[in-house]
Amino acid sequence: MNAPHDPSSVGAVLAHKAHFGEPLQLKSGAELPAYDIAFETYGELNAARSNAVLVCHALNASHHVAGYYAEDAKNVGWWDNLVGPGKPLDTRRFFVVGSNYIGSCFG
């Protein structure tokens, strides 16, 4: 776990929710009338919008990929050792997005 003052940490993060109000037609023929997807971002999207990396999680993980929540510094992202300044997914270079899947119990 990276401590809140660790320079290799992305630091305190906020979870966001994207709401999709338009129906989503599924291959099965069913339709989702509306849905939300929780996500977090780390780093900055460049002007060319060419530095984004989407991190997908296993079924037992969530959108909380890196960093910690200010109100709970012990709740560190599940891939915190790989996302952040100087790490393989270097947030000085990449804009990293961690999102949940539709229907995830994490939002």
N, C-alpha and C. Protein backbone atom coordinates (compact mmCIF):
# COMPACT_ATOMS: atom_id res chain seq x y z
N MET A 1 0.85 -1.19 0.00
CA MET A 1 0.00 0.00 0.00
C MET A 1 0.89 1.23 0.00
N ASN A 2 0.60 2.17 -0.88
CA ASN A 2 1.33 3.43 -0.90
C ASN A 2 0.69 4.38 0.10
N ALA A 3 1.51 4.98 0.92
CA ALA A 3 1.02 5.95 1.90
C ALA A 3 0.55 7.21 1.18
N PRO A 4 -0.37 7.97 1.79
CA PRO A 4 -0.88 9.18 1.16
C PRO A 4 0.21 10.16 0.73
N HIS A 5 1.36 10.17 1.39
CA HIS A 5 2.43 11.10 1.04
C HIS A 5 3.43 10.49 0.06
N ASP A 6 3.22 9.26 -0.38
CA ASP A 6 4.13 8.56 -1.29
C ASP A 6 4.10 9.24 -2.66
N PRO A 7 5.25 9.71 -3.18
CA PRO A 7 5.27 10.38 -4.48
C PRO A 7 4.92 9.48 -5.66
N SER A 8 4.94 8.15 -5.46
CA SER A 8 4.57 7.26 -6.55
C SER A 8 3.07 6.95 -6.57
N SER A 9 2.33 7.51 -5.63
CA SER A 9 0.88 7.32 -5.57
C SER A 9 0.18 8.37 -6.42
N VAL A 10 -0.96 8.03 -6.99
CA VAL A 10 -1.77 9.04 -7.68
C VAL A 10 -2.47 9.92 -6.67
N GLY A 11 -2.42 9.54 -5.39
CA GLY A 11 -3.00 10.36 -4.34
C GLY A 11 -4.47 10.07 -4.12
N ALA A 12 -5.15 11.04 -3.50
CA ALA A 12 -6.57 10.90 -3.22
C ALA A 12 -7.35 10.99 -4.53
N VAL A 13 -8.32 10.12 -4.69
CA VAL A 13 -9.12 10.08 -5.92
C VAL A 13 -10.60 10.17 -5.58
N LEU A 14 -11.38 10.48 -6.59
CA LEU A 14 -12.83 10.54 -6.47
C LEU A 14 -13.46 9.58 -7.46
N ALA A 15 -14.47 8.88 -7.02
CA ALA A 15 -15.25 8.03 -7.92
C ALA A 15 -16.30 8.90 -8.59
N HIS A 16 -16.58 8.62 -9.85
CA HIS A 16 -17.59 9.34 -10.63
C HIS A 16 -18.58 8.34 -11.18
N LYS A 17 -19.74 8.83 -11.58
CA LYS A 17 -20.73 7.98 -12.26
C LYS A 17 -21.15 8.66 -13.54
N ALA A 18 -21.15 7.89 -14.61
CA ALA A 18 -21.66 8.37 -15.90
C ALA A 18 -23.06 7.77 -16.07
N HIS A 19 -24.03 8.63 -16.36
CA HIS A 19 -25.41 8.16 -16.57
C HIS A 19 -25.68 8.11 -18.06
N PHE A 20 -26.21 6.99 -18.51
CA PHE A 20 -26.59 6.81 -19.90
C PHE A 20 -28.10 6.66 -19.94
N GLY A 21 -28.78 7.68 -20.46
CA GLY A 21 -30.23 7.70 -20.46
C GLY A 21 -30.86 7.07 -21.68
N GLU A 22 -30.09 6.93 -22.76
CA GLU A 22 -30.63 6.30 -23.97
C GLU A 22 -30.64 4.80 -23.80
N PRO A 23 -31.67 4.14 -24.27
CA PRO A 23 -31.73 2.68 -24.14
C PRO A 23 -30.56 2.01 -24.85
N LEU A 24 -30.11 0.91 -24.27
CA LEU A 24 -29.04 0.11 -24.86
C LEU A 24 -29.63 -1.22 -25.30
N GLN A 25 -29.62 -1.45 -26.61
CA GLN A 25 -30.14 -2.70 -27.16
C GLN A 25 -29.09 -3.79 -26.99
N LEU A 26 -29.47 -4.88 -26.36
CA LEU A 26 -28.55 -5.99 -26.14
C LEU A 26 -28.70 -7.02 -27.25
N LYS A 27 -27.66 -7.80 -27.48
CA LYS A 27 -27.66 -8.82 -28.52
C LYS A 27 -28.79 -9.82 -28.31
N SER A 28 -29.16 -10.06 -27.06
CA SER A 28 -30.23 -11.01 -26.73
C SER A 28 -31.61 -10.52 -27.15
N GLY A 29 -31.69 -9.23 -27.48
CA GLY A 29 -32.98 -8.63 -27.81
C GLY A 29 -33.54 -7.81 -26.66
N ALA A 30 -33.03 -8.04 -25.46
CA ALA A 30 -33.46 -7.24 -24.31
C ALA A 30 -32.89 -5.83 -24.43
N GLU A 31 -33.44 -4.94 -23.64
CA GLU A 31 -33.01 -3.54 -23.70
C GLU A 31 -32.84 -3.00 -22.28
N LEU A 32 -31.75 -2.29 -22.07
CA LEU A 32 -31.57 -1.58 -20.81
C LEU A 32 -32.09 -0.16 -21.03
N PRO A 33 -33.10 0.27 -20.28
CA PRO A 33 -33.67 1.59 -20.51
C PRO A 33 -32.71 2.72 -20.14
N ALA A 34 -31.92 2.53 -19.12
CA ALA A 34 -30.93 3.52 -18.67
C ALA A 34 -30.00 2.79 -17.71
N TYR A 35 -28.79 3.32 -17.56
CA TYR A 35 -27.84 2.67 -16.67
C TYR A 35 -26.75 3.66 -16.28
N ASP A 36 -26.07 3.36 -15.19
CA ASP A 36 -24.95 4.14 -14.70
C ASP A 36 -23.70 3.27 -14.70
N ILE A 37 -22.55 3.89 -14.93
CA ILE A 37 -21.27 3.20 -14.83
C ILE A 37 -20.35 4.05 -13.97
N ALA A 38 -19.83 3.44 -12.90
CA ALA A 38 -18.88 4.12 -12.02
C ALA A 38 -17.49 4.06 -12.65
N PHE A 39 -16.71 5.13 -12.46
CA PHE A 39 -15.35 5.17 -13.01
C PHE A 39 -14.47 6.12 -12.21
N GLU A 40 -13.17 5.96 -12.39
CA GLU A 40 -12.16 6.88 -11.86
C GLU A 40 -11.16 7.14 -12.96
N THR A 41 -10.52 8.31 -12.92
CA THR A 41 -9.47 8.63 -13.89
C THR A 41 -8.22 9.08 -13.15
N TYR A 42 -7.09 8.86 -13.81
CA TYR A 42 -5.79 9.20 -13.22
C TYR A 42 -4.93 9.78 -14.34
N GLY A 43 -4.26 10.89 -14.08
CA GLY A 43 -3.45 11.55 -15.09
C GLY A 43 -4.29 12.54 -15.89
N GLU A 44 -3.72 13.05 -16.97
CA GLU A 44 -4.39 14.06 -17.79
C GLU A 44 -4.51 13.58 -19.23
N LEU A 45 -5.67 13.81 -19.83
CA LEU A 45 -5.87 13.51 -21.25
C LEU A 45 -5.16 14.58 -22.06
N ASN A 46 -4.33 14.17 -23.02
CA ASN A 46 -3.58 15.15 -23.81
C ASN A 46 -4.48 15.80 -24.86
N ALA A 47 -3.99 16.87 -25.48
CA ALA A 47 -4.77 17.63 -26.46
C ALA A 47 -5.19 16.77 -27.65
N ALA A 48 -4.34 15.83 -28.06
CA ALA A 48 -4.65 14.96 -29.18
C ALA A 48 -5.59 13.81 -28.78
N ARG A 49 -5.83 13.69 -27.49
CA ARG A 49 -6.69 12.63 -26.94
C ARG A 49 -6.18 11.24 -27.33
N SER A 50 -4.85 11.11 -27.33
CA SER A 50 -4.23 9.87 -27.81
C SER A 50 -3.49 9.09 -26.71
N ASN A 51 -3.64 9.50 -25.47
CA ASN A 51 -2.89 8.85 -24.40
C ASN A 51 -3.77 8.11 -23.39
N ALA A 52 -5.01 7.81 -23.77
CA ALA A 52 -5.93 7.14 -22.85
C ALA A 52 -5.68 5.63 -22.81
N VAL A 53 -5.76 5.08 -21.61
CA VAL A 53 -5.63 3.65 -21.38
C VAL A 53 -6.82 3.22 -20.53
N LEU A 54 -7.59 2.25 -21.02
CA LEU A 54 -8.72 1.72 -20.27
C LEU A 54 -8.27 0.47 -19.53
N VAL A 55 -8.46 0.46 -18.22
CA VAL A 55 -8.11 -0.70 -17.41
C VAL A 55 -9.41 -1.43 -17.07
N CYS A 56 -9.51 -2.67 -17.51
CA CYS A 56 -10.67 -3.50 -17.21
C CYS A 56 -10.36 -4.38 -16.02
N HIS A 57 -11.33 -4.62 -15.20
CA HIS A 57 -11.10 -5.39 -13.97
C HIS A 57 -11.70 -6.78 -14.05
N ALA A 58 -11.26 -7.62 -13.13
CA ALA A 58 -11.85 -8.96 -12.99
C ALA A 58 -13.24 -8.81 -12.37
N LEU A 59 -13.99 -9.86 -12.34
CA LEU A 59 -15.35 -9.79 -11.82
C LEU A 59 -15.42 -9.46 -10.34
N ASN A 60 -14.34 -9.69 -9.60
CA ASN A 60 -14.37 -9.43 -8.16
C ASN A 60 -13.70 -8.11 -7.79
N ALA A 61 -13.37 -7.28 -8.76
CA ALA A 61 -12.74 -5.98 -8.49
C ALA A 61 -13.70 -4.86 -8.90
N SER A 62 -13.20 -3.63 -8.87
CA SER A 62 -14.06 -2.48 -9.17
C SER A 62 -13.29 -1.45 -9.98
N HIS A 63 -13.92 -0.32 -10.14
CA HIS A 63 -13.33 0.82 -10.85
C HIS A 63 -12.19 1.47 -10.06
N HIS A 64 -12.04 1.12 -8.80
CA HIS A 64 -11.02 1.74 -7.94
C HIS A 64 -9.66 1.08 -8.19
N VAL A 65 -9.00 1.54 -9.25
CA VAL A 65 -7.75 0.94 -9.73
C VAL A 65 -6.55 1.42 -8.93
N ALA A 66 -6.49 2.69 -8.63
CA ALA A 66 -5.29 3.25 -7.99
C ALA A 66 -5.67 4.37 -7.03
N GLY A 67 -4.69 4.77 -6.23
CA GLY A 67 -4.91 5.85 -5.28
C GLY A 67 -5.70 5.39 -4.08
N TYR A 68 -6.20 6.35 -3.34
CA TYR A 68 -6.96 6.08 -2.13
C TYR A 68 -8.05 7.13 -2.01
N TYR A 69 -9.04 6.86 -1.19
CA TYR A 69 -10.10 7.83 -0.92
C TYR A 69 -9.70 8.66 0.29
N ALA A 70 -9.88 9.97 0.22
CA ALA A 70 -9.49 10.87 1.30
C ALA A 70 -10.10 10.45 2.63
N GLU A 71 -11.34 9.99 2.61
CA GLU A 71 -12.02 9.61 3.85
C GLU A 71 -11.63 8.21 4.33
N ASP A 72 -10.87 7.48 3.51
CA ASP A 72 -10.46 6.12 3.88
C ASP A 72 -9.13 5.80 3.19
N ALA A 73 -8.04 6.32 3.71
CA ALA A 73 -6.72 6.17 3.08
C ALA A 73 -6.26 4.72 3.01
N LYS A 74 -6.88 3.84 3.77
CA LYS A 74 -6.50 2.42 3.71
C LYS A 74 -7.17 1.70 2.55
N ASN A 75 -8.16 2.33 1.92
CA ASN A 75 -8.85 1.73 0.77
C ASN A 75 -8.06 2.09 -0.49
N VAL A 76 -7.01 1.34 -0.74
CA VAL A 76 -6.11 1.60 -1.87
C VAL A 76 -6.58 0.79 -3.07
N GLY A 77 -6.47 1.39 -4.25
CA GLY A 77 -6.86 0.71 -5.49
C GLY A 77 -6.15 -0.62 -5.68
N TRP A 78 -6.83 -1.55 -6.33
CA TRP A 78 -6.34 -2.92 -6.46
C TRP A 78 -5.12 -3.05 -7.37
N TRP A 79 -4.82 -2.06 -8.20
CA TRP A 79 -3.64 -2.10 -9.07
C TRP A 79 -2.74 -0.91 -8.80
N ASP A 80 -2.77 -0.42 -7.57
CA ASP A 80 -2.02 0.77 -7.19
C ASP A 80 -0.52 0.62 -7.43
N ASN A 81 -0.01 -0.58 -7.37
CA ASN A 81 1.42 -0.79 -7.59
C ASN A 81 1.83 -0.65 -9.06
N LEU A 82 0.85 -0.55 -9.98
CA LEU A 82 1.16 -0.44 -11.41
C LEU A 82 0.70 0.87 -12.05
N VAL A 83 -0.06 1.69 -11.31
CA VAL A 83 -0.60 2.93 -11.87
C VAL A 83 -0.14 4.11 -11.02
N GLY A 84 0.55 5.06 -11.64
CA GLY A 84 1.01 6.24 -10.93
C GLY A 84 2.31 6.75 -11.52
N PRO A 85 2.80 7.86 -11.01
CA PRO A 85 4.04 8.44 -11.52
C PRO A 85 5.21 7.46 -11.42
N GLY A 86 5.87 7.23 -12.56
CA GLY A 86 7.03 6.35 -12.59
C GLY A 86 6.71 4.86 -12.62
N LYS A 87 5.44 4.51 -12.62
CA LYS A 87 5.03 3.10 -12.64
C LYS A 87 4.74 2.68 -14.09
N PRO A 88 4.51 1.38 -14.36
CA PRO A 88 4.27 0.95 -15.74
C PRO A 88 3.17 1.74 -16.46
N LEU A 89 2.06 2.02 -15.80
CA LEU A 89 1.06 2.93 -16.36
C LEU A 89 1.31 4.30 -15.74
N ASP A 90 2.30 4.97 -16.29
CA ASP A 90 2.81 6.23 -15.74
C ASP A 90 1.81 7.35 -16.00
N THR A 91 1.24 7.88 -14.93
CA THR A 91 0.21 8.91 -15.06
C THR A 91 0.78 10.27 -15.45
N ARG A 92 2.09 10.38 -15.56
CA ARG A 92 2.68 11.60 -16.14
C ARG A 92 2.62 11.52 -17.66
N ARG A 93 2.40 10.31 -18.18
CA ARG A 93 2.35 10.07 -19.62
C ARG A 93 0.96 9.65 -20.10
N PHE A 94 0.26 8.85 -19.31
CA PHE A 94 -1.02 8.27 -19.73
C PHE A 94 -2.19 8.83 -18.92
N PHE A 95 -3.34 8.85 -19.57
CA PHE A 95 -4.62 9.15 -18.92
C PHE A 95 -5.30 7.80 -18.72
N VAL A 96 -5.32 7.34 -17.49
CA VAL A 96 -5.81 6.00 -17.18
C VAL A 96 -7.25 6.08 -16.69
N VAL A 97 -8.10 5.23 -17.25
CA VAL A 97 -9.52 5.17 -16.87
C VAL A 97 -9.81 3.78 -16.34
N GLY A 98 -10.36 3.72 -15.15
CA GLY A 98 -10.84 2.46 -14.58
C GLY A 98 -12.35 2.56 -14.47
N SER A 99 -13.06 1.64 -15.10
CA SER A 99 -14.52 1.70 -15.05
C SER A 99 -15.10 0.34 -14.69
N ASN A 100 -16.31 0.36 -14.20
CA ASN A 100 -17.02 -0.87 -13.92
C ASN A 100 -17.71 -1.37 -15.18
N TYR A 101 -18.09 -2.62 -15.13
CA TYR A 101 -18.88 -3.21 -16.21
C TYR A 101 -20.35 -2.93 -15.95
N ILE A 102 -21.15 -2.96 -17.00
CA ILE A 102 -22.60 -2.83 -16.83
C ILE A 102 -23.07 -4.00 -15.96
N GLY A 103 -23.81 -3.67 -14.93
CA GLY A 103 -24.33 -4.69 -14.03
C GLY A 103 -23.41 -5.03 -12.87
N SER A 104 -22.27 -4.38 -12.79
CA SER A 104 -21.34 -4.64 -11.69
C SER A 104 -21.98 -4.29 -10.35
N CYS A 105 -21.66 -5.06 -9.34
CA CYS A 105 -22.18 -4.75 -8.01
C CYS A 105 -21.50 -3.53 -7.41
N PHE A 106 -20.46 -3.01 -8.07
CA PHE A 106 -19.74 -1.83 -7.59
C PHE A 106 -20.25 -0.54 -8.22
N GLY A 107 -21.28 -0.62 -9.03
CA GLY A 107 -21.85 0.59 -9.65
C GLY A 107 -21.54 0.73 -11.10
